[in-house]
Amino acid sequence: MMAGEAGGGGGPDNFVGPVIRAGDFAEVVAQSIEDDNPGKDVRIVDRGDYVRIHTAQVCRLTRKALERNLGHPYELRMLETEMPSFSGRLRTRDDEFVWFYDN
């Protein structure tokens, strides 16, 4: 994981992804996003109460990766209770969430 501000590689305006309440669950989401976005720079910005997790252009999170990292079943729709905000547009399905840049 890379902590820090978005920047470089196309500028911060095209970075998309969830904002998750700080805590252990945010770490699991960050690891899962890293797993689901191989080869992409996953940016993590810890703001104390919440954590921004984002990648350039498209950020994918699958139920499979989240369940693997949590160690138990998880309904992806429940993510919304831990996600007060997000960057970009969001497409949801039962098995994945995809945030994407749309100008």
PDB file of N, CA and C in Angstrom:
ATOM      1  N   MET A   1       0.832  -1.184   0.000  1.00  0.00           N
ATOM      2  CA  MET A   1       0.000   0.000   0.000  1.00  0.00           C
ATOM      3  C   MET A   1       0.870   1.238   0.000  1.00  0.00           C
ATOM      4  N   MET A   2       0.369   2.255  -0.604  1.00  0.00           N
ATOM      5  CA  MET A   2       1.099   3.512  -0.618  1.00  0.00           C
ATOM      6  C   MET A   2       0.276   4.571   0.091  1.00  0.00           C
ATOM      7  N   ALA A   3       0.820   5.142   1.126  1.00  0.00           N
ATOM      8  CA  ALA A   3       0.130   6.216   1.837  1.00  0.00           C
ATOM      9  C   ALA A   3       0.543   7.544   1.242  1.00  0.00           C
ATOM     10  N   GLY A   4      -0.380   8.482   1.248  1.00  0.00           N
ATOM     11  CA  GLY A   4      -0.038   9.806   0.762  1.00  0.00           C
ATOM     12  C   GLY A   4      -1.153  10.390  -0.070  1.00  0.00           C
ATOM     13  N   GLU A   5      -0.877  11.529  -0.607  1.00  0.00           N
ATOM     14  CA  GLU A   5      -1.850  12.246  -1.408  1.00  0.00           C
ATOM     15  C   GLU A   5      -1.839  11.747  -2.841  1.00  0.00           C
ATOM     16  N   ALA A   6      -2.975  11.882  -3.494  1.00  0.00           N
ATOM     17  CA  ALA A   6      -3.031  11.587  -4.916  1.00  0.00           C
ATOM     18  C   ALA A   6      -2.220  12.640  -5.649  1.00  0.00           C
ATOM     19  N   GLY A   7      -1.586  12.239  -6.700  1.00  0.00           N
ATOM     20  CA  GLY A   7      -0.802  13.181  -7.481  1.00  0.00           C
ATOM     21  C   GLY A   7       0.073  12.451  -8.446  1.00  0.00           C
ATOM     22  N   GLY A   8       0.459  13.139  -9.505  1.00  0.00           N
ATOM     23  CA  GLY A   8       1.283  12.511 -10.517  1.00  0.00           C
ATOM     24  C   GLY A   8       0.481  11.490 -11.294  1.00  0.00           C
ATOM     25  N   GLY A   9       1.017  11.020 -12.381  1.00  0.00           N
ATOM     26  CA  GLY A   9       0.365   9.979 -13.148  1.00  0.00           C
ATOM     27  C   GLY A   9      -1.025  10.324 -13.614  1.00  0.00           C
ATOM     28  N   GLY A  10      -1.248  11.562 -14.052  1.00  0.00           N
ATOM     29  CA  GLY A  10      -2.553  11.931 -14.560  1.00  0.00           C
ATOM     30  C   GLY A  10      -3.306  12.891 -13.664  1.00  0.00           C
ATOM     31  N   GLY A  11      -2.733  13.242 -12.541  1.00  0.00           N
ATOM     32  CA  GLY A  11      -3.359  14.225 -11.669  1.00  0.00           C
ATOM     33  C   GLY A  11      -4.385  13.614 -10.741  1.00  0.00           C
ATOM     34  N   PRO A  12      -4.674  14.308  -9.643  1.00  0.00           N
ATOM     35  CA  PRO A  12      -5.563  13.772  -8.624  1.00  0.00           C
ATOM     36  C   PRO A  12      -7.030  13.721  -9.043  1.00  0.00           C
ATOM     37  N   ASP A  13      -7.432  14.481 -10.052  1.00  0.00           N
ATOM     38  CA  ASP A  13      -8.834  14.559 -10.425  1.00  0.00           C
ATOM     39  C   ASP A  13      -9.387  13.273 -11.017  1.00  0.00           C
ATOM     40  N   ASN A  14      -8.533  12.373 -11.488  1.00  0.00           N
ATOM     41  CA  ASN A  14      -9.052  11.142 -12.087  1.00  0.00           C
ATOM     42  C   ASN A  14      -8.919   9.944 -11.147  1.00  0.00           C
ATOM     43  N   PHE A  15      -8.637  10.182  -9.880  1.00  0.00           N
ATOM     44  CA  PHE A  15      -8.554   9.102  -8.907  1.00  0.00           C
ATOM     45  C   PHE A  15      -9.940   8.824  -8.335  1.00  0.00           C
ATOM     46  N   VAL A  16     -10.295   7.548  -8.277  1.00  0.00           N
ATOM     47  CA  VAL A  16     -11.626   7.142  -7.841  1.00  0.00           C
ATOM     48  C   VAL A  16     -11.523   6.023  -6.817  1.00  0.00           C
ATOM     49  N   GLY A  17     -12.541   5.895  -5.988  1.00  0.00           N
ATOM     50  CA  GLY A  17     -12.587   4.819  -5.008  1.00  0.00           C
ATOM     51  C   GLY A  17     -13.356   5.226  -3.771  1.00  0.00           C
ATOM     52  N   PRO A  18     -13.414   4.317  -2.803  1.00  0.00           N
ATOM     53  CA  PRO A  18     -14.229   4.554  -1.619  1.00  0.00           C
ATOM     54  C   PRO A  18     -13.543   5.387  -0.547  1.00  0.00           C
ATOM     55  N   VAL A  19     -14.365   5.974   0.289  1.00  0.00           N
ATOM     56  CA  VAL A  19     -13.941   6.589   1.542  1.00  0.00           C
ATOM     57  C   VAL A  19     -14.558   5.703   2.622  1.00  0.00           C
ATOM     58  N   ILE A  20     -13.706   5.088   3.448  1.00  0.00           N
ATOM     59  CA  ILE A  20     -14.147   4.105   4.434  1.00  0.00           C
ATOM     60  C   ILE A  20     -13.859   4.621   5.842  1.00  0.00           C
ATOM     61  N   ARG A  21     -14.762   4.357   6.767  1.00  0.00           N
ATOM     62  CA  ARG A  21     -14.525   4.715   8.172  1.00  0.00           C
ATOM     63  C   ARG A  21     -13.229   4.051   8.632  1.00  0.00           C
ATOM     64  N   ALA A  22     -12.410   4.779   9.367  1.00  0.00           N
ATOM     65  CA  ALA A  22     -11.109   4.273   9.815  1.00  0.00           C
ATOM     66  C   ALA A  22     -11.286   3.046  10.704  1.00  0.00           C
ATOM     67  N   GLY A  23     -10.308   2.148  10.631  1.00  0.00           N
ATOM     68  CA  GLY A  23     -10.319   0.958  11.477  1.00  0.00           C
ATOM     69  C   GLY A  23      -9.851  -0.261  10.713  1.00  0.00           C
ATOM     70  N   ASP A  24      -9.989  -1.407  11.343  1.00  0.00           N
ATOM     71  CA  ASP A  24      -9.538  -2.661  10.754  1.00  0.00           C
ATOM     72  C   ASP A  24     -10.221  -2.956   9.426  1.00  0.00           C
ATOM     73  N   PHE A  25     -11.513  -2.632   9.328  1.00  0.00           N
ATOM     74  CA  PHE A  25     -12.235  -2.915   8.093  1.00  0.00           C
ATOM     75  C   PHE A  25     -11.654  -2.122   6.926  1.00  0.00           C
ATOM     76  N   ALA A  26     -11.241  -0.892   7.171  1.00  0.00           N
ATOM     77  CA  ALA A  26     -10.623  -0.078   6.110  1.00  0.00           C
ATOM     78  C   ALA A  26      -9.351  -0.743   5.599  1.00  0.00           C
ATOM     79  N   GLU A  27      -8.574  -1.342   6.499  1.00  0.00           N
ATOM     80  CA  GLU A  27      -7.354  -2.061   6.088  1.00  0.00           C
ATOM     81  C   GLU A  27      -7.693  -3.248   5.193  1.00  0.00           C
ATOM     82  N   VAL A  28      -8.754  -3.954   5.534  1.00  0.00           N
ATOM     83  CA  VAL A  28      -9.179  -5.107   4.737  1.00  0.00           C
ATOM     84  C   VAL A  28      -9.655  -4.649   3.358  1.00  0.00           C
ATOM     85  N   VAL A  29     -10.403  -3.562   3.314  1.00  0.00           N
ATOM     86  CA  VAL A  29     -10.866  -3.027   2.030  1.00  0.00           C
ATOM     87  C   VAL A  29      -9.666  -2.608   1.181  1.00  0.00           C
ATOM     88  N   ALA A  30      -8.699  -1.938   1.790  1.00  0.00           N
ATOM     89  CA  ALA A  30      -7.506  -1.506   1.055  1.00  0.00           C
ATOM     90  C   ALA A  30      -6.758  -2.712   0.481  1.00  0.00           C
ATOM     91  N   GLN A  31      -6.567  -3.755   1.286  1.00  0.00           N
ATOM     92  CA  GLN A  31      -5.886  -4.963   0.805  1.00  0.00           C
ATOM     93  C   GLN A  31      -6.674  -5.611  -0.330  1.00  0.00           C
ATOM     94  N   SER A  32      -7.975  -5.656  -0.204  1.00  0.00           N
ATOM     95  CA  SER A  32      -8.823  -6.256  -1.227  1.00  0.00           C
ATOM     96  C   SER A  32      -8.766  -5.470  -2.528  1.00  0.00           C
ATOM     97  N   ILE A  33      -8.746  -4.148  -2.425  1.00  0.00           N
ATOM     98  CA  ILE A  33      -8.628  -3.315  -3.624  1.00  0.00           C
ATOM     99  C   ILE A  33      -7.269  -3.538  -4.279  1.00  0.00           C
ATOM    100  N   GLU A  34      -6.217  -3.668  -3.483  1.00  0.00           N
ATOM    101  CA  GLU A  34      -4.904  -3.987  -4.065  1.00  0.00           C
ATOM    102  C   GLU A  34      -4.956  -5.315  -4.820  1.00  0.00           C
ATOM    103  N   ASP A  35      -5.610  -6.307  -4.229  1.00  0.00           N
ATOM    104  CA  ASP A  35      -5.732  -7.623  -4.864  1.00  0.00           C
ATOM    105  C   ASP A  35      -6.509  -7.542  -6.173  1.00  0.00           C
ATOM    106  N   ASP A  36      -7.565  -6.737  -6.191  1.00  0.00           N
ATOM    107  CA  ASP A  36      -8.449  -6.649  -7.357  1.00  0.00           C
ATOM    108  C   ASP A  36      -7.970  -5.695  -8.447  1.00  0.00           C
ATOM    109  N   ASN A  37      -6.900  -4.965  -8.183  1.00  0.00           N
ATOM    110  CA  ASN A  37      -6.379  -4.000  -9.152  1.00  0.00           C
ATOM    111  C   ASN A  37      -4.882  -4.201  -9.344  1.00  0.00           C
ATOM    112  N   PRO A  38      -4.478  -5.396  -9.812  1.00  0.00           N
ATOM    113  CA  PRO A  38      -3.047  -5.697  -9.948  1.00  0.00           C
ATOM    114  C   PRO A  38      -2.354  -4.728 -10.903  1.00  0.00           C
ATOM    115  N   GLY A  39      -1.160  -4.313 -10.510  1.00  0.00           N
ATOM    116  CA  GLY A  39      -0.373  -3.413 -11.343  1.00  0.00           C
ATOM    117  C   GLY A  39      -0.746  -1.950 -11.222  1.00  0.00           C
ATOM    118  N   LYS A  40      -1.798  -1.648 -10.471  1.00  0.00           N
ATOM    119  CA  LYS A  40      -2.211  -0.255 -10.295  1.00  0.00           C
ATOM    120  C   LYS A  40      -1.657   0.287  -8.982  1.00  0.00           C
ATOM    121  N   ASP A  41      -1.399   1.562  -8.978  1.00  0.00           N
ATOM    122  CA  ASP A  41      -0.965   2.269  -7.774  1.00  0.00           C
ATOM    123  C   ASP A  41      -2.208   2.543  -6.926  1.00  0.00           C
ATOM    124  N   VAL A  42      -2.318   1.886  -5.784  1.00  0.00           N
ATOM    125  CA  VAL A  42      -3.435   2.113  -4.872  1.00  0.00           C
ATOM    126  C   VAL A  42      -3.002   3.173  -3.870  1.00  0.00           C
ATOM    127  N   ARG A  43      -3.702   4.292  -3.874  1.00  0.00           N
ATOM    128  CA  ARG A  43      -3.368   5.399  -2.985  1.00  0.00           C
ATOM    129  C   ARG A  43      -4.231   5.333  -1.740  1.00  0.00           C
ATOM    130  N   ILE A  44      -3.603   5.454  -0.584  1.00  0.00           N
ATOM    131  CA  ILE A  44      -4.291   5.432   0.695  1.00  0.00           C
ATOM    132  C   ILE A  44      -4.029   6.771   1.387  1.00  0.00           C
ATOM    133  N   VAL A  45      -5.089   7.453   1.762  1.00  0.00           N
ATOM    134  CA  VAL A  45      -4.955   8.715   2.487  1.00  0.00           C
ATOM    135  C   VAL A  45      -5.725   8.581   3.795  1.00  0.00           C
ATOM    136  N   ASP A  46      -5.012   8.526   4.905  1.00  0.00           N
ATOM    137  CA  ASP A  46      -5.609   8.384   6.231  1.00  0.00           C
ATOM    138  C   ASP A  46      -5.918   9.770   6.770  1.00  0.00           C
ATOM    139  N   ARG A  47      -7.181  10.038   7.004  1.00  0.00           N
ATOM    140  CA  ARG A  47      -7.629  11.337   7.515  1.00  0.00           C
ATOM    141  C   ARG A  47      -8.074  11.258   8.977  1.00  0.00           C
ATOM    142  N   GLY A  48      -7.651  10.207   9.667  1.00  0.00           N
ATOM    143  CA  GLY A  48      -8.016  10.060  11.079  1.00  0.00           C
ATOM    144  C   GLY A  48      -9.323   9.306  11.248  1.00  0.00           C
ATOM    145  N   ASP A  49     -10.445   9.963  10.975  1.00  0.00           N
ATOM    146  CA  ASP A  49     -11.758   9.327  11.111  1.00  0.00           C
ATOM    147  C   ASP A  49     -12.123   8.470   9.909  1.00  0.00           C
ATOM    148  N   TYR A  50     -11.507   8.752   8.775  1.00  0.00           N
ATOM    149  CA  TYR A  50     -11.806   7.997   7.567  1.00  0.00           C
ATOM    150  C   TYR A  50     -10.551   7.822   6.725  1.00  0.00           C
ATOM    151  N   VAL A  51     -10.642   6.881   5.784  1.00  0.00           N
ATOM    152  CA  VAL A  51      -9.514   6.557   4.912  1.00  0.00           C
ATOM    153  C   VAL A  51     -10.000   6.608   3.468  1.00  0.00           C
ATOM    154  N   ARG A  52      -9.298   7.363   2.641  1.00  0.00           N
ATOM    155  CA  ARG A  52      -9.572   7.384   1.203  1.00  0.00           C
ATOM    156  C   ARG A  52      -8.711   6.305   0.547  1.00  0.00           C
ATOM    157  N   ILE A  53      -9.342   5.456  -0.257  1.00  0.00           N
ATOM    158  CA  ILE A  53      -8.637   4.404  -0.971  1.00  0.00           C
ATOM    159  C   ILE A  53      -8.979   4.592  -2.441  1.00  0.00           C
ATOM    160  N   HIS A  54      -7.975   4.884  -3.273  1.00  0.00           N
ATOM    161  CA  HIS A  54      -8.314   5.174  -4.658  1.00  0.00           C
ATOM    162  C   HIS A  54      -7.203   4.801  -5.639  1.00  0.00           C
ATOM    163  N   THR A  55      -7.620   4.635  -6.882  1.00  0.00           N
ATOM    164  CA  THR A  55      -6.724   4.334  -7.991  1.00  0.00           C
ATOM    165  C   THR A  55      -7.109   5.251  -9.149  1.00  0.00           C
ATOM    166  N   ALA A  56      -6.245   5.332 -10.140  1.00  0.00           N
ATOM    167  CA  ALA A  56      -6.522   6.168 -11.312  1.00  0.00           C
ATOM    168  C   ALA A  56      -7.555   5.503 -12.220  1.00  0.00           C
ATOM    169  N   GLN A  57      -8.518   6.263 -12.660  1.00  0.00           N
ATOM    170  CA  GLN A  57      -9.518   5.906 -13.663  1.00  0.00           C
ATOM    171  C   GLN A  57     -10.569   4.893 -13.221  1.00  0.00           C
ATOM    172  N   VAL A  58     -10.145   3.710 -12.774  1.00  0.00           N
ATOM    173  CA  VAL A  58     -11.078   2.643 -12.385  1.00  0.00           C
ATOM    174  C   VAL A  58     -10.557   1.964 -11.127  1.00  0.00           C
ATOM    175  N   CYS A  59     -11.451   1.718 -10.185  1.00  0.00           N
ATOM    176  CA  CYS A  59     -11.112   1.024  -8.943  1.00  0.00           C
ATOM    177  C   CYS A  59     -12.142  -0.078  -8.741  1.00  0.00           C
ATOM    178  N   ARG A  60     -11.679  -1.307  -8.680  1.00  0.00           N
ATOM    179  CA  ARG A  60     -12.564  -2.471  -8.581  1.00  0.00           C
ATOM    180  C   ARG A  60     -12.405  -3.128  -7.209  1.00  0.00           C
ATOM    181  N   LEU A  61     -13.540  -3.538  -6.624  1.00  0.00           N
ATOM    182  CA  LEU A  61     -13.547  -4.293  -5.373  1.00  0.00           C
ATOM    183  C   LEU A  61     -14.533  -5.437  -5.532  1.00  0.00           C
ATOM    184  N   THR A  62     -14.052  -6.676  -5.383  1.00  0.00           N
ATOM    185  CA  THR A  62     -14.932  -7.831  -5.522  1.00  0.00           C
ATOM    186  C   THR A  62     -15.283  -8.416  -4.155  1.00  0.00           C
ATOM    187  N   ARG A  63     -16.446  -9.027  -4.109  1.00  0.00           N
ATOM    188  CA  ARG A  63     -16.865  -9.729  -2.892  1.00  0.00           C
ATOM    189  C   ARG A  63     -15.883 -10.853  -2.582  1.00  0.00           C
ATOM    190  N   LYS A  64     -15.408 -11.539  -3.613  1.00  0.00           N
ATOM    191  CA  LYS A  64     -14.477 -12.655  -3.430  1.00  0.00           C
ATOM    192  C   LYS A  64     -13.214 -12.218  -2.680  1.00  0.00           C
ATOM    193  N   ALA A  65     -12.600 -11.109  -3.114  1.00  0.00           N
ATOM    194  CA  ALA A  65     -11.380 -10.613  -2.451  1.00  0.00           C
ATOM    195  C   ALA A  65     -11.683 -10.146  -1.035  1.00  0.00           C
ATOM    196  N   LEU A  66     -12.799  -9.465  -0.863  1.00  0.00           N
ATOM    197  CA  LEU A  66     -13.163  -8.963   0.466  1.00  0.00           C
ATOM    198  C   LEU A  66     -13.409 -10.123   1.427  1.00  0.00           C
ATOM    199  N   GLU A  67     -14.124 -11.137   0.988  1.00  0.00           N
ATOM    200  CA  GLU A  67     -14.371 -12.298   1.840  1.00  0.00           C
ATOM    201  C   GLU A  67     -13.081 -13.044   2.166  1.00  0.00           C
ATOM    202  N   ARG A  68     -12.195 -13.166   1.186  1.00  0.00           N
ATOM    203  CA  ARG A  68     -10.904 -13.836   1.413  1.00  0.00           C
ATOM    204  C   ARG A  68     -10.095 -13.095   2.476  1.00  0.00           C
ATOM    205  N   ASN A  69     -10.049 -11.772   2.390  1.00  0.00           N
ATOM    206  CA  ASN A  69      -9.273 -10.980   3.347  1.00  0.00           C
ATOM    207  C   ASN A  69      -9.957 -10.849   4.708  1.00  0.00           C
ATOM    208  N   LEU A  70     -11.272 -10.901   4.738  1.00  0.00           N
ATOM    209  CA  LEU A  70     -12.003 -10.874   6.008  1.00  0.00           C
ATOM    210  C   LEU A  70     -11.966 -12.234   6.697  1.00  0.00           C
ATOM    211  N   GLY A  71     -11.964 -13.287   5.893  1.00  0.00           N
ATOM    212  CA  GLY A  71     -11.984 -14.631   6.451  1.00  0.00           C
ATOM    213  C   GLY A  71     -13.380 -15.161   6.738  1.00  0.00           C
ATOM    214  N   HIS A  72     -14.399 -14.477   6.194  1.00  0.00           N
ATOM    215  CA  HIS A  72     -15.787 -14.934   6.358  1.00  0.00           C
ATOM    216  C   HIS A  72     -16.662 -14.319   5.270  1.00  0.00           C
ATOM    217  N   PRO A  73     -17.851 -14.885   5.060  1.00  0.00           N
ATOM    218  CA  PRO A  73     -18.756 -14.340   4.039  1.00  0.00           C
ATOM    219  C   PRO A  73     -19.134 -12.880   4.348  1.00  0.00           C
ATOM    220  N   TYR A  74     -19.398 -12.132   3.280  1.00  0.00           N
ATOM    221  CA  TYR A  74     -19.750 -10.716   3.436  1.00  0.00           C
ATOM    222  C   TYR A  74     -20.626 -10.306   2.261  1.00  0.00           C
ATOM    223  N   GLU A  75     -21.746  -9.698   2.555  1.00  0.00           N
ATOM    224  CA  GLU A  75     -22.607  -9.174   1.497  1.00  0.00           C
ATOM    225  C   GLU A  75     -22.064  -7.805   1.105  1.00  0.00           C
ATOM    226  N   LEU A  76     -21.667  -7.679  -0.126  1.00  0.00           N
ATOM    227  CA  LEU A  76     -20.996  -6.460  -0.583  1.00  0.00           C
ATOM    228  C   LEU A  76     -21.863  -5.210  -0.383  1.00  0.00           C
ATOM    229  N   ARG A  77     -23.160  -5.365  -0.458  1.00  0.00           N
ATOM    230  CA  ARG A  77     -24.045  -4.202  -0.254  1.00  0.00           C
ATOM    231  C   ARG A  77     -23.872  -3.583   1.137  1.00  0.00           C
ATOM    232  N   MET A  78     -23.389  -4.379   2.100  1.00  0.00           N
ATOM    233  CA  MET A  78     -23.173  -3.878   3.453  1.00  0.00           C
ATOM    234  C   MET A  78     -22.009  -2.875   3.508  1.00  0.00           C
ATOM    235  N   LEU A  79     -21.194  -2.857   2.482  1.00  0.00           N
ATOM    236  CA  LEU A  79     -20.079  -1.906   2.422  1.00  0.00           C
ATOM    237  C   LEU A  79     -20.582  -0.462   2.543  1.00  0.00           C
ATOM    238  N   GLU A  80     -21.769  -0.221   2.039  1.00  0.00           N
ATOM    239  CA  GLU A  80     -22.299   1.138   2.050  1.00  0.00           C
ATOM    240  C   GLU A  80     -22.447   1.704   3.464  1.00  0.00           C
ATOM    241  N   THR A  81     -22.605   0.844   4.477  1.00  0.00           N
ATOM    242  CA  THR A  81     -22.717   1.341   5.854  1.00  0.00           C
ATOM    243  C   THR A  81     -21.377   1.814   6.393  1.00  0.00           C
ATOM    244  N   GLU A  82     -20.287   1.339   5.810  1.00  0.00           N
ATOM    245  CA  GLU A  82     -18.939   1.741   6.220  1.00  0.00           C
ATOM    246  C   GLU A  82     -18.338   2.785   5.278  1.00  0.00           C
ATOM    247  N   MET A  83     -19.068   3.148   4.228  1.00  0.00           N
ATOM    248  CA  MET A  83     -18.554   4.034   3.191  1.00  0.00           C
ATOM    249  C   MET A  83     -19.399   5.313   3.146  1.00  0.00           C
ATOM    250  N   PRO A  84     -19.017   6.326   3.928  1.00  0.00           N
ATOM    251  CA  PRO A  84     -19.802   7.554   3.943  1.00  0.00           C
ATOM    252  C   PRO A  84     -19.710   8.355   2.647  1.00  0.00           C
ATOM    253  N   SER A  85     -18.706   8.050   1.831  1.00  0.00           N
ATOM    254  CA  SER A  85     -18.519   8.806   0.597  1.00  0.00           C
ATOM    255  C   SER A  85     -17.644   8.005  -0.364  1.00  0.00           C
ATOM    256  N   PHE A  86     -17.484   8.526  -1.567  1.00  0.00           N
ATOM    257  CA  PHE A  86     -16.570   7.943  -2.539  1.00  0.00           C
ATOM    258  C   PHE A  86     -16.263   8.977  -3.602  1.00  0.00           C
ATOM    259  N   SER A  87     -15.220   8.716  -4.381  1.00  0.00           N
ATOM    260  CA  SER A  87     -14.836   9.585  -5.493  1.00  0.00           C
ATOM    261  C   SER A  87     -15.171   8.872  -6.785  1.00  0.00           C
ATOM    262  N   GLY A  88     -15.642   9.620  -7.760  1.00  0.00           N
ATOM    263  CA  GLY A  88     -15.997   9.064  -9.055  1.00  0.00           C
ATOM    264  C   GLY A  88     -17.442   8.630  -9.095  1.00  0.00           C
ATOM    265  N   ARG A  89     -17.748   7.817 -10.085  1.00  0.00           N
ATOM    266  CA  ARG A  89     -19.077   7.226 -10.215  1.00  0.00           C
ATOM    267  C   ARG A  89     -18.982   5.783  -9.744  1.00  0.00           C
ATOM    268  N   LEU A  90     -20.088   5.214  -9.320  1.00  0.00           N
ATOM    269  CA  LEU A  90     -20.080   3.868  -8.756  1.00  0.00           C
ATOM    270  C   LEU A  90     -21.089   2.980  -9.470  1.00  0.00           C
ATOM    271  N   ARG A  91     -20.609   1.819  -9.896  1.00  0.00           N
ATOM    272  CA  ARG A  91     -21.466   0.785 -10.464  1.00  0.00           C
ATOM    273  C   ARG A  91     -21.451  -0.385  -9.480  1.00  0.00           C
ATOM    274  N   THR A  92     -22.628  -0.817  -9.021  1.00  0.00           N
ATOM    275  CA  THR A  92     -22.689  -1.899  -8.038  1.00  0.00           C
ATOM    276  C   THR A  92     -23.349  -3.143  -8.631  1.00  0.00           C
ATOM    277  N   ARG A  93     -22.838  -4.282  -8.189  1.00  0.00           N
ATOM    278  CA  ARG A  93     -23.423  -5.589  -8.480  1.00  0.00           C
ATOM    279  C   ARG A  93     -23.291  -6.409  -7.206  1.00  0.00           C
ATOM    280  N   ASP A  94     -23.925  -7.560  -7.176  1.00  0.00           N
ATOM    281  CA  ASP A  94     -23.827  -8.413  -5.993  1.00  0.00           C
ATOM    282  C   ASP A  94     -22.403  -8.875  -5.728  1.00  0.00           C
ATOM    283  N   ASP A  95     -21.604  -9.020  -6.794  1.00  0.00           N
ATOM    284  CA  ASP A  95     -20.266  -9.581  -6.645  1.00  0.00           C
ATOM    285  C   ASP A  95     -19.129  -8.578  -6.803  1.00  0.00           C
ATOM    286  N   GLU A  96     -19.427  -7.322  -7.144  1.00  0.00           N
ATOM    287  CA  GLU A  96     -18.368  -6.324  -7.255  1.00  0.00           C
ATOM    288  C   GLU A  96     -18.912  -4.910  -7.240  1.00  0.00           C
ATOM    289  N   PHE A  97     -18.064  -4.009  -6.757  1.00  0.00           N
ATOM    290  CA  PHE A  97     -18.287  -2.561  -6.864  1.00  0.00           C
ATOM    291  C   PHE A  97     -17.180  -2.037  -7.768  1.00  0.00           C
ATOM    292  N   VAL A  98     -17.543  -1.143  -8.688  1.00  0.00           N
ATOM    293  CA  VAL A  98     -16.548  -0.523  -9.559  1.00  0.00           C
ATOM    294  C   VAL A  98     -16.765   0.975  -9.545  1.00  0.00           C
ATOM    295  N   TRP A  99     -15.743   1.698  -9.093  1.00  0.00           N
ATOM    296  CA  TRP A  99     -15.758   3.159  -9.162  1.00  0.00           C
ATOM    297  C   TRP A  99     -15.011   3.534 -10.428  1.00  0.00           C
ATOM    298  N   PHE A 100     -15.506   4.544 -11.139  1.00  0.00           N
ATOM    299  CA  PHE A 100     -14.852   4.903 -12.394  1.00  0.00           C
ATOM    300  C   PHE A 100     -14.921   6.405 -12.615  1.00  0.00           C
ATOM    301  N   TYR A 101     -13.953   6.869 -13.392  1.00  0.00           N
ATOM    302  CA  TYR A 101     -13.849   8.290 -13.730  1.00  0.00           C
ATOM    303  C   TYR A 101     -14.695   8.540 -14.953  1.00  0.00           C
ATOM    304  N   ASP A 102     -15.542   9.526 -14.873  1.00  0.00           N
ATOM    305  CA  ASP A 102     -16.422   9.900 -15.991  1.00  0.00           C
ATOM    306  C   ASP A 102     -16.471  11.411 -16.047  1.00  0.00           C
ATOM    307  N   ASN A 103     -15.808  11.995 -17.049  1.00  0.00           N
ATOM    308  CA  ASN A 103     -15.780  13.461 -17.127  1.00  0.00           C
ATOM    309  C   ASN A 103     -16.882  14.037 -17.944  1.00  0.00           C
TER     310      ASN A 103
END
